[in-house]
Protein backbone atom coordinates (compact mmCIF):
# COMPACT_ATOMS: atom_id res chain seq x y z
CA MET A 1 36.12 116.57 86.43
CA ARG A 2 36.73 120.23 87.10
CA ALA A 3 34.92 122.39 89.64
CA GLU A 4 34.23 126.12 90.33
CA ILE A 5 33.00 127.87 93.52
CA VAL A 6 30.44 130.53 93.67
CA SER A 7 30.20 132.33 97.15
CA VAL A 8 27.02 134.14 97.55
CA GLY A 9 26.87 137.29 99.97
CA ASP A 10 27.22 140.93 99.87
CA GLU A 11 29.39 140.75 102.98
CA LEU A 12 32.02 139.07 100.76
CA LEU A 13 32.03 141.87 98.43
CA LYS A 14 32.04 144.61 101.03
CA GLY A 15 34.98 143.22 102.60
CA GLN A 16 33.20 142.43 105.87
CA ARG A 17 33.90 138.72 105.78
CA VAL A 18 36.98 136.71 104.32
CA ASN A 19 36.04 133.91 102.10
CA THR A 20 37.56 130.92 104.02
CA ASN A 21 34.96 128.68 102.74
CA ALA A 22 36.53 128.62 99.17
CA ALA A 23 40.11 127.90 100.57
CA PHE A 24 38.48 124.64 102.53
CA ILE A 25 36.61 123.58 99.57
CA SER A 26 39.35 123.80 97.07
CA SER A 27 41.81 121.73 99.35
CA ALA A 28 39.03 119.21 100.02
CA LEU A 29 38.43 118.72 96.40
CA ALA A 30 42.08 118.29 95.65
CA GLY A 31 41.93 115.30 97.89
CA ILE A 32 39.85 113.44 95.49
CA GLY A 33 41.50 114.67 92.24
CA VAL A 34 39.19 117.41 91.37
CA PRO A 35 40.87 120.89 90.57
CA VAL A 36 39.36 124.08 91.01
CA GLY A 37 39.24 126.37 88.03
CA ARG A 38 37.75 129.59 89.31
CA VAL A 39 36.17 131.07 92.56
CA VAL A 40 33.49 133.70 92.13
CA ALA A 41 31.85 135.95 94.72
CA CYS A 42 28.51 137.37 93.95
CA SER A 43 25.96 139.62 95.51
CA ASP A 44 22.62 138.57 97.11
CA LEU A 45 20.77 139.89 93.99
CA GLU A 46 18.81 137.16 92.36
CA ASP A 47 19.68 137.96 88.78
CA GLU A 48 23.20 138.19 89.54
CA ILE A 49 23.10 134.71 91.38
CA ILE A 50 21.45 133.31 88.25
CA ALA A 51 23.98 134.69 86.04
CA ALA A 52 26.87 133.44 88.11
CA PHE A 53 25.59 129.84 88.21
CA ALA A 54 24.57 129.64 84.61
CA GLU A 55 28.31 130.87 83.65
CA SER A 56 29.89 128.43 85.91
CA LEU A 57 27.71 125.53 84.86
CA GLU A 58 28.83 125.98 81.20
CA ARG A 59 32.41 125.53 82.16
CA ALA A 60 32.59 123.32 85.15
CA ASP A 61 31.49 119.64 85.91
CA ILE A 62 30.73 120.66 89.46
CA VAL A 63 29.69 124.26 90.81
CA LEU A 64 29.87 124.49 94.56
CA VAL A 65 27.68 127.14 96.11
CA THR A 66 28.01 128.67 99.72
CA GLY A 67 25.49 131.21 101.09
CA GLY A 68 22.06 132.20 100.49
CA LEU A 69 20.18 129.26 102.11
CA GLY A 70 19.10 130.91 105.42
CA PRO A 71 15.59 132.07 106.49
CA THR A 72 15.86 135.61 105.81
CA LYS A 73 14.76 137.69 102.70
CA ASP A 74 18.28 138.16 101.52
CA ASP A 75 18.77 134.56 101.17
CA ARG A 76 17.86 134.02 97.63
CA THR A 77 19.98 131.01 96.33
CA LYS A 78 17.10 128.54 96.19
CA LYS A 79 14.83 130.88 94.36
CA ALA A 80 17.54 131.65 91.66
CA VAL A 81 18.17 127.74 91.31
CA GLN A 82 14.30 127.38 90.68
CA LYS A 83 14.28 130.00 88.03
CA LEU A 84 17.57 128.72 86.37
CA LEU A 85 16.59 125.11 86.23
CA GLU A 86 12.91 125.63 86.09
CA LYS A 87 12.31 123.40 88.98
CA GLY A 88 9.93 123.45 91.90
CA ILE A 89 10.68 122.83 95.45
CA GLU A 90 9.34 120.24 97.79
CA LEU A 91 9.42 119.37 101.53
CA HIS A 92 12.05 117.02 102.55
CA LYS A 93 10.47 115.06 105.55
CA ASP A 94 13.56 113.76 107.29
CA THR A 95 15.07 117.13 107.04
CA TYR A 96 11.76 118.87 108.30
CA GLN A 97 11.58 116.27 111.37
CA ASN A 98 14.99 116.86 112.46
CA LEU A 99 14.43 120.54 112.12
CA VAL A 100 11.15 120.27 114.49
CA GLU A 101 13.29 118.32 117.02
CA ARG A 102 15.95 120.91 116.96
CA ILE A 103 13.64 123.67 117.53
CA LYS A 104 11.82 121.87 120.17
CA LYS A 105 14.97 121.32 122.24
CA ARG A 106 15.53 125.16 122.16
CA GLY A 107 11.91 125.76 123.35
CA GLN A 108 10.74 127.43 120.35
CA ASP A 109 7.72 127.09 117.83
CA MET A 110 8.17 126.31 114.25
CA SER A 111 7.79 129.38 112.04
CA ALA A 112 7.26 129.65 108.42
CA SER A 113 10.56 130.91 107.69
CA LEU A 114 12.24 127.92 109.55
CA ARG A 115 10.06 125.44 107.82
CA ASP A 116 11.54 126.82 104.40
CA GLN A 117 14.76 125.67 105.59
CA ALA A 118 13.39 122.17 104.97
CA MET A 119 12.44 122.80 101.44
CA VAL A 120 14.62 121.50 98.80
CA ILE A 121 14.86 121.55 94.77
CA GLU A 122 12.99 118.78 93.35
CA GLY A 123 15.07 115.87 92.13
CA SER A 124 18.08 116.88 94.33
CA LEU A 125 20.13 114.58 96.76
CA VAL A 126 19.54 116.20 100.10
CA ILE A 127 22.69 116.88 102.31
CA PRO A 128 21.93 116.58 105.82
CA ASN A 129 22.88 119.65 107.84
CA THR A 130 24.34 118.23 111.22
CA ARG A 131 25.43 121.65 112.45
CA GLY A 132 22.55 123.91 111.54
CA THR A 133 19.09 124.18 110.02
CA ALA A 134 19.21 124.81 106.24
CA ALA A 135 19.40 121.48 104.02
CA GLY A 136 22.08 121.34 101.54
CA MET A 137 21.70 119.90 97.93
CA ILE A 138 23.46 118.08 95.16
CA ILE A 139 21.40 118.76 92.01
CA PRO A 140 21.94 117.24 88.61
CA CYS A 141 21.24 120.02 86.02
CA GLY A 142 20.41 117.84 83.03
CA GLU A 143 21.24 118.15 79.39
CA ARG A 144 20.88 121.85 79.21
CA PHE A 145 23.95 122.29 81.36
CA HIS A 146 25.76 119.10 80.04
CA HIS A 147 24.95 116.99 83.03
CA HIS A 148 26.93 119.09 85.30
CA TYR A 149 26.17 119.39 89.13
CA LEU A 150 25.21 122.24 91.30
CA VAL A 151 26.02 121.86 94.97
CA LEU A 152 24.29 123.97 97.46
CA MET A 153 25.61 124.55 101.03
CA PRO A 154 25.03 127.14 103.75
CA GLY A 155 27.84 129.71 104.21
CA VAL A 156 28.35 129.10 107.78
CA PRO A 157 31.78 127.52 107.80
CA SER A 158 31.25 124.69 110.44
CA GLU A 159 27.93 123.81 108.66
CA MET A 160 29.58 123.68 105.16
CA LYS A 161 32.61 121.82 106.38
CA ALA A 162 30.53 118.97 107.79
CA MET A 163 28.47 118.83 104.58
CA MET A 164 31.68 118.44 102.55
CA GLU A 165 33.30 115.85 104.71
CA LEU A 166 30.23 113.75 105.45
CA THR A 167 28.26 113.87 101.97
CA VAL A 168 29.93 115.95 99.14
CA ILE A 169 33.45 114.52 99.21
CA PRO A 170 32.25 110.77 99.53
CA TYR A 171 29.71 111.47 96.48
CA PHE A 172 32.16 112.95 94.01
CA ALA A 173 35.19 110.85 95.12
CA ALA A 174 33.23 107.86 93.48
CA LEU A 175 32.86 109.84 90.23
CA SER A 176 36.39 111.19 89.97
CA THR A 177 38.85 109.47 87.71
CA THR A 178 41.92 111.74 88.41
CA VAL A 179 44.48 112.28 91.11
CA ILE A 180 46.09 115.42 92.09
CA ARG A 181 49.25 115.92 94.27
CA HIS A 182 50.23 119.15 95.70
CA THR A 183 53.61 119.64 97.23
CA PRO A 184 54.64 122.92 98.79
CA VAL A 185 58.47 123.92 98.59
CA LYS A 186 59.10 126.73 101.47
CA THR A 187 61.87 129.00 101.00
CA LEU A 188 63.94 131.48 103.11
CA GLY A 189 66.17 134.44 102.33
CA ILE A 190 65.66 134.52 98.57
CA GLY A 191 63.24 136.79 96.45
CA GLU A 192 60.65 135.54 93.82
CA SER A 193 62.94 136.67 90.80
CA MET A 194 65.99 135.14 92.15
CA LEU A 195 64.24 131.97 92.87
CA ALA A 196 62.90 131.97 89.42
CA GLU A 197 66.24 132.42 87.78
CA MET A 198 67.59 129.60 90.03
CA ILE A 199 65.00 126.84 88.60
CA VAL A 200 64.37 128.27 85.32
CA ASP A 201 65.30 125.16 83.24
CA ILE A 202 63.30 122.97 85.68
CA GLU A 203 60.29 125.10 85.17
CA ASP A 204 60.65 124.85 81.31
CA ARG A 205 60.76 121.06 81.50
CA LEU A 206 57.94 120.16 83.77
CA PRO A 207 56.22 116.90 83.06
CA GLU A 208 52.78 116.94 81.43
CA GLY A 209 50.10 117.60 83.89
CA THR A 210 52.52 119.48 86.45
CA THR A 211 52.17 123.12 87.09
CA LEU A 212 54.58 125.44 89.32
CA ALA A 213 53.17 128.25 91.26
CA TYR A 214 54.97 131.04 93.00
CA LEU A 215 53.15 132.10 96.24
CA PRO A 216 54.78 135.34 97.60
CA HIS A 217 53.85 136.25 101.01
CA ALA A 218 54.86 139.04 103.55
CA ALA A 219 57.88 137.09 104.84
CA GLY A 220 59.12 135.54 101.54
CA VAL A 221 57.97 133.29 98.88
CA SER A 222 56.88 129.55 98.60
CA LEU A 223 56.25 127.41 95.60
CA MET A 224 53.55 124.80 94.96
CA ILE A 225 54.09 121.97 92.61
CA SER A 226 50.85 120.46 91.46
CA THR A 227 50.48 117.38 89.28
CA LEU A 228 47.26 116.15 87.79
CA GLY A 229 46.80 112.60 86.26
CA CYS A 230 45.00 109.39 86.19
CA GLU A 231 47.34 107.14 87.59
CA ARG A 232 48.48 107.78 91.30
CA GLU A 233 51.89 106.23 91.02
CA ALA A 234 52.86 108.42 87.95
CA VAL A 235 51.26 111.35 89.34
CA ASP A 236 53.49 110.77 92.78
CA ARG A 237 56.50 110.19 90.55
CA ASP A 238 56.39 113.28 88.42
CA ASN A 239 55.65 115.36 91.36
CA ARG A 240 58.43 113.91 93.53
CA ASN A 241 61.10 114.38 90.63
CA VAL A 242 60.25 118.13 90.31
CA VAL A 243 60.37 118.62 94.03
CA ASP A 244 63.70 116.81 94.10
CA ALA A 245 65.24 118.70 91.25
CA ILE A 246 64.18 121.99 93.07
CA VAL A 247 65.60 120.94 96.49
CA GLN A 248 68.91 119.83 94.83
CA ARG A 249 69.01 123.18 93.06
CA ALA A 250 67.86 125.59 95.90
CA GLY A 251 68.26 123.34 98.84
CA LYS A 252 70.12 125.97 101.07
CA HIS A 253 67.05 128.24 101.01
CA ILE A 254 64.47 125.49 101.45
CA TYR A 255 63.31 124.70 104.99
CA ALA A 256 60.13 122.53 104.26
CA THR A 257 58.46 120.42 101.50
CA SER A 258 55.30 120.00 103.51
CA GLU A 259 52.68 122.15 105.05
CA VAL A 260 54.58 123.29 108.17
CA THR A 261 55.48 126.60 109.23
CA LEU A 262 59.06 127.81 110.05
CA GLU A 263 58.37 127.70 113.77
CA GLU A 264 57.14 124.28 113.66
CA THR A 265 60.40 123.45 111.55
CA VAL A 266 62.68 125.01 114.00
CA GLY A 267 60.91 123.32 116.93
CA GLN A 268 61.35 120.09 115.37
CA MET A 269 64.90 120.59 115.05
CA LEU A 270 65.49 121.76 118.67
CA SER A 271 63.04 119.00 120.02
CA ALA A 272 65.11 116.47 118.04
CA ARG A 273 68.33 117.50 119.50
CA GLY A 274 67.01 118.10 123.03
CA LEU A 275 67.87 121.76 122.82
CA THR A 276 65.75 124.67 124.39
CA VAL A 277 65.42 128.36 123.25
CA ALA A 278 64.59 131.70 124.82
CA VAL A 279 63.88 135.06 123.21
CA ALA A 280 64.31 138.57 124.00
CA GLU A 281 62.20 140.96 121.90
CA SER A 282 62.08 144.78 121.59
CA CYS A 283 60.60 145.56 118.02
CA THR A 284 58.64 142.39 117.59
CA GLY A 285 56.97 142.73 120.76
CA GLY A 286 56.37 139.08 121.72
CA LEU A 287 55.71 137.84 118.25
CA ILE A 288 58.56 135.26 118.13
CA ALA A 289 57.47 133.88 121.33
CA SER A 290 53.99 133.87 120.26
CA ARG A 291 54.88 131.88 117.01
CA PHE A 292 56.88 129.42 118.96
CA THR A 293 53.95 128.86 121.34
CA ASP A 294 51.47 128.57 118.65
CA VAL A 295 52.92 125.05 118.16
CA PRO A 296 51.51 122.13 120.15
CA GLY A 297 54.25 120.74 122.42
CA SER A 298 56.49 123.63 122.28
CA SER A 299 56.94 123.75 126.01
CA SER A 300 59.59 120.89 125.56
CA TYR A 301 61.89 123.38 123.88
CA PHE A 302 60.52 127.08 124.29
CA LEU A 303 61.69 128.19 128.00
CA GLN A 304 60.84 131.85 128.27
CA GLY A 305 60.28 135.18 126.44
CA PHE A 306 61.30 138.69 127.62
CA VAL A 307 59.62 141.69 125.94
CA VAL A 308 62.02 144.70 126.70
CA TYR A 309 60.52 147.53 124.63
CA SER A 310 62.21 150.38 126.65
CA ASN A 311 65.80 151.07 127.26
CA GLN A 312 65.25 150.78 130.84
CA ALA A 313 63.72 147.35 130.53
CA LYS A 314 66.83 146.23 128.40
CA HIS A 315 68.96 147.17 131.31
CA SER A 316 67.01 146.01 134.27
CA ALA A 317 65.63 142.69 132.72
CA LEU A 318 68.38 141.48 130.81
CA GLY A 319 71.52 143.60 132.10
CA VAL A 320 72.25 145.51 128.76
CA PRO A 321 74.73 148.14 129.86
CA GLU A 322 73.29 151.58 129.97
CA GLU A 323 76.67 152.76 128.35
CA THR A 324 76.33 150.36 125.29
CA ILE A 325 72.73 151.82 124.54
CA LYS A 326 74.14 155.23 124.96
CA ILE A 327 77.17 154.75 122.69
CA PHE A 328 75.54 152.55 120.01
CA GLY A 329 71.76 153.32 120.37
CA ALA A 330 69.02 150.78 121.18
CA VAL A 331 68.72 149.65 117.58
CA SER A 332 72.16 148.25 117.20
CA GLU A 333 74.21 144.97 116.87
CA GLU A 334 75.91 145.78 120.07
CA VAL A 335 72.74 146.03 121.98
CA ALA A 336 71.24 142.99 120.18
CA ARG A 337 74.30 140.73 121.31
CA ALA A 338 73.80 142.14 124.90
CA MET A 339 70.27 141.14 125.02
CA ALA A 340 70.89 137.77 123.67
CA THR A 341 73.64 137.18 126.26
CA GLY A 342 71.46 138.48 128.99
CA CYS A 343 68.50 136.38 127.85
CA LEU A 344 70.74 133.33 127.63
CA GLU A 345 72.11 133.84 131.31
CA LYS A 346 68.69 134.63 132.62
CA SER A 347 66.79 131.74 131.04
CA GLY A 348 69.39 128.88 131.11
CA ALA A 349 68.31 128.03 127.67
CA ASP A 350 70.73 126.29 124.96
CA PHE A 351 70.11 129.33 122.42
CA ALA A 352 68.85 132.81 123.03
CA VAL A 353 67.36 135.02 120.25
CA SER A 354 67.07 138.85 120.46
CA THR A 355 65.55 141.57 118.17
CA THR A 356 65.81 145.23 118.27
CA GLY A 357 64.77 147.56 115.49
CA ILE A 358 62.59 150.24 114.10
CA ALA A 359 59.16 148.89 112.62
CA GLY A 360 57.92 152.30 111.71
CA PRO A 361 56.17 154.29 110.51
CA SER A 362 58.35 156.84 112.44
CA GLY A 363 61.55 156.69 114.34
CA GLY A 364 63.83 156.14 111.40
CA SER A 365 66.84 158.13 110.45
CA PRO A 366 69.32 158.16 107.34
CA GLU A 367 71.68 155.92 109.39
CA LYS A 368 68.82 153.64 110.62
CA PRO A 369 65.85 153.96 108.45
CA VAL A 370 62.52 152.47 109.23
CA GLY A 371 62.49 148.79 108.68
CA THR A 372 66.19 148.36 110.23
CA LEU A 373 66.47 145.10 112.35
CA CYS A 374 69.28 144.07 114.42
CA LEU A 375 69.22 140.55 115.77
CA ALA A 376 71.58 138.11 117.71
CA ILE A 377 71.70 134.64 118.67
CA ALA A 378 73.78 133.49 121.78
CA LYS A 379 74.53 129.81 122.26
CA LYS A 380 75.19 128.07 125.54
CA ASN A 381 79.10 127.39 126.13
CA SER A 382 80.12 129.67 123.36
CA ALA A 383 81.65 133.03 123.50
CA ASP A 384 80.76 133.74 120.08
CA VAL A 385 77.39 135.65 119.36
CA LEU A 386 76.10 135.83 116.04
CA SER A 387 74.34 139.22 114.90
CA ARG A 388 73.03 140.78 111.83
CA ARG A 389 71.77 144.19 110.52
CA LEU A 390 69.11 143.97 108.12
CA VAL A 391 66.79 146.59 106.50
CA MET A 392 63.49 145.76 105.33
CA GLN A 393 60.60 147.53 103.59
CA GLY A 394 56.99 147.54 104.65
CA ASP A 395 54.39 148.89 107.06
CA ARG A 396 54.72 148.52 110.60
CA GLU A 397 52.68 145.14 110.73
CA GLN A 398 54.60 143.69 107.76
CA ASN A 399 58.06 144.78 109.41
CA LYS A 400 57.10 143.09 112.64
CA LEU A 401 56.20 139.69 110.78
CA ARG A 402 59.44 140.04 108.73
CA PHE A 403 61.66 140.74 111.62
CA SER A 404 60.11 137.65 113.33
CA GLU A 405 60.70 135.50 110.20
CA ALA A 406 64.29 136.84 109.94
CA ALA A 407 65.12 135.80 113.49
CA LEU A 408 63.76 132.42 113.10
CA ARG A 409 65.54 132.05 109.82
CA GLU A 410 68.73 132.63 111.53
CA LEU A 411 68.13 130.22 114.34
CA TRP A 412 67.29 127.66 111.52
CA GLN A 413 70.34 128.27 109.88
CA CYS A 414 72.40 127.90 113.14
CA LEU A 415 70.76 124.56 113.89
CA ARG A 416 71.39 123.38 110.29
CA GLN A 417 74.92 124.04 110.73
CA GLY A 418 75.27 122.14 113.92
């Protein structure tokens, strides 16, 4: 089976809301072997909703819809389905009773618009809404649409997720005859074109049913190896063989083959060795510390963070010599090394990571353009302090993210080397 997703709502087209529902639905369907071939967003206009549904039902076995089931005038999904399938609506008694009880608990009276939330397309399998008021529906669309299914769910993420987990996924899992295996391959320090050249022969010989997608992002590029088939053992084998071949070829750039972040990976390495880390940040403004502490349990290895944005703070908080700043400038490897050393001494950590740079959009010079980063890593009981000077291209937000990624990458490489 193949699926398509139609997200209804003007707010999606105006950029007022990000369509997170489609990502969740796609991931959930992959778990039962149902690939998503297309995601469509359409307006609240009834004619456009009808056209989107009809087009998707011609192609996809399952069309999953979010949005347009609420009690207001711009919620037109049910009316569009009535016209498209030429079906009536009926009151679903269990949904109505649950709605009455919910309204009573709120101390409100049942209105006609709320009653409409319990009206469903005739012949549909009703999806209980455990988080809200509007009923969902699984609708067999008959011979006209090749016996494909239309699934209607609210646009509210919490309501949609509960419906998917409790009803939709179990229902279609029983009908699915295929298996999908997705394996991410996460890389560092290599661009998309260079990575493609490195694995071109692997990509040219992918097993049947396997695809390789490049996923560039602000801090680098990841791969997604996807395999679709009927037998789980064969699917797992083909997928694993491709991943293993890529790891063998590009292993020095790969930090994970699972859905973990770089900060999680570094944290696991530190934790496994009983090591700790502290950070001293200027240009990243606390972003590295934030990324470390986003990970549950990070208190076992992350000790402390210093945000020393001004030259005075670098001197007073970390002991960076004023003369070093005056001679070499705040954005220099010399200052980065002094920051890391001071951080190591103040925190008592096993590793200290420092960053100083120019995120932009102003502040650059021919010698030190916008996007310049100087970072350093100091290690307990070692006189050597690693430092790097890098230049990146992007706006302020992108540069800060890339700076933090570069610092974590250097620490990852230090830990790999022992």
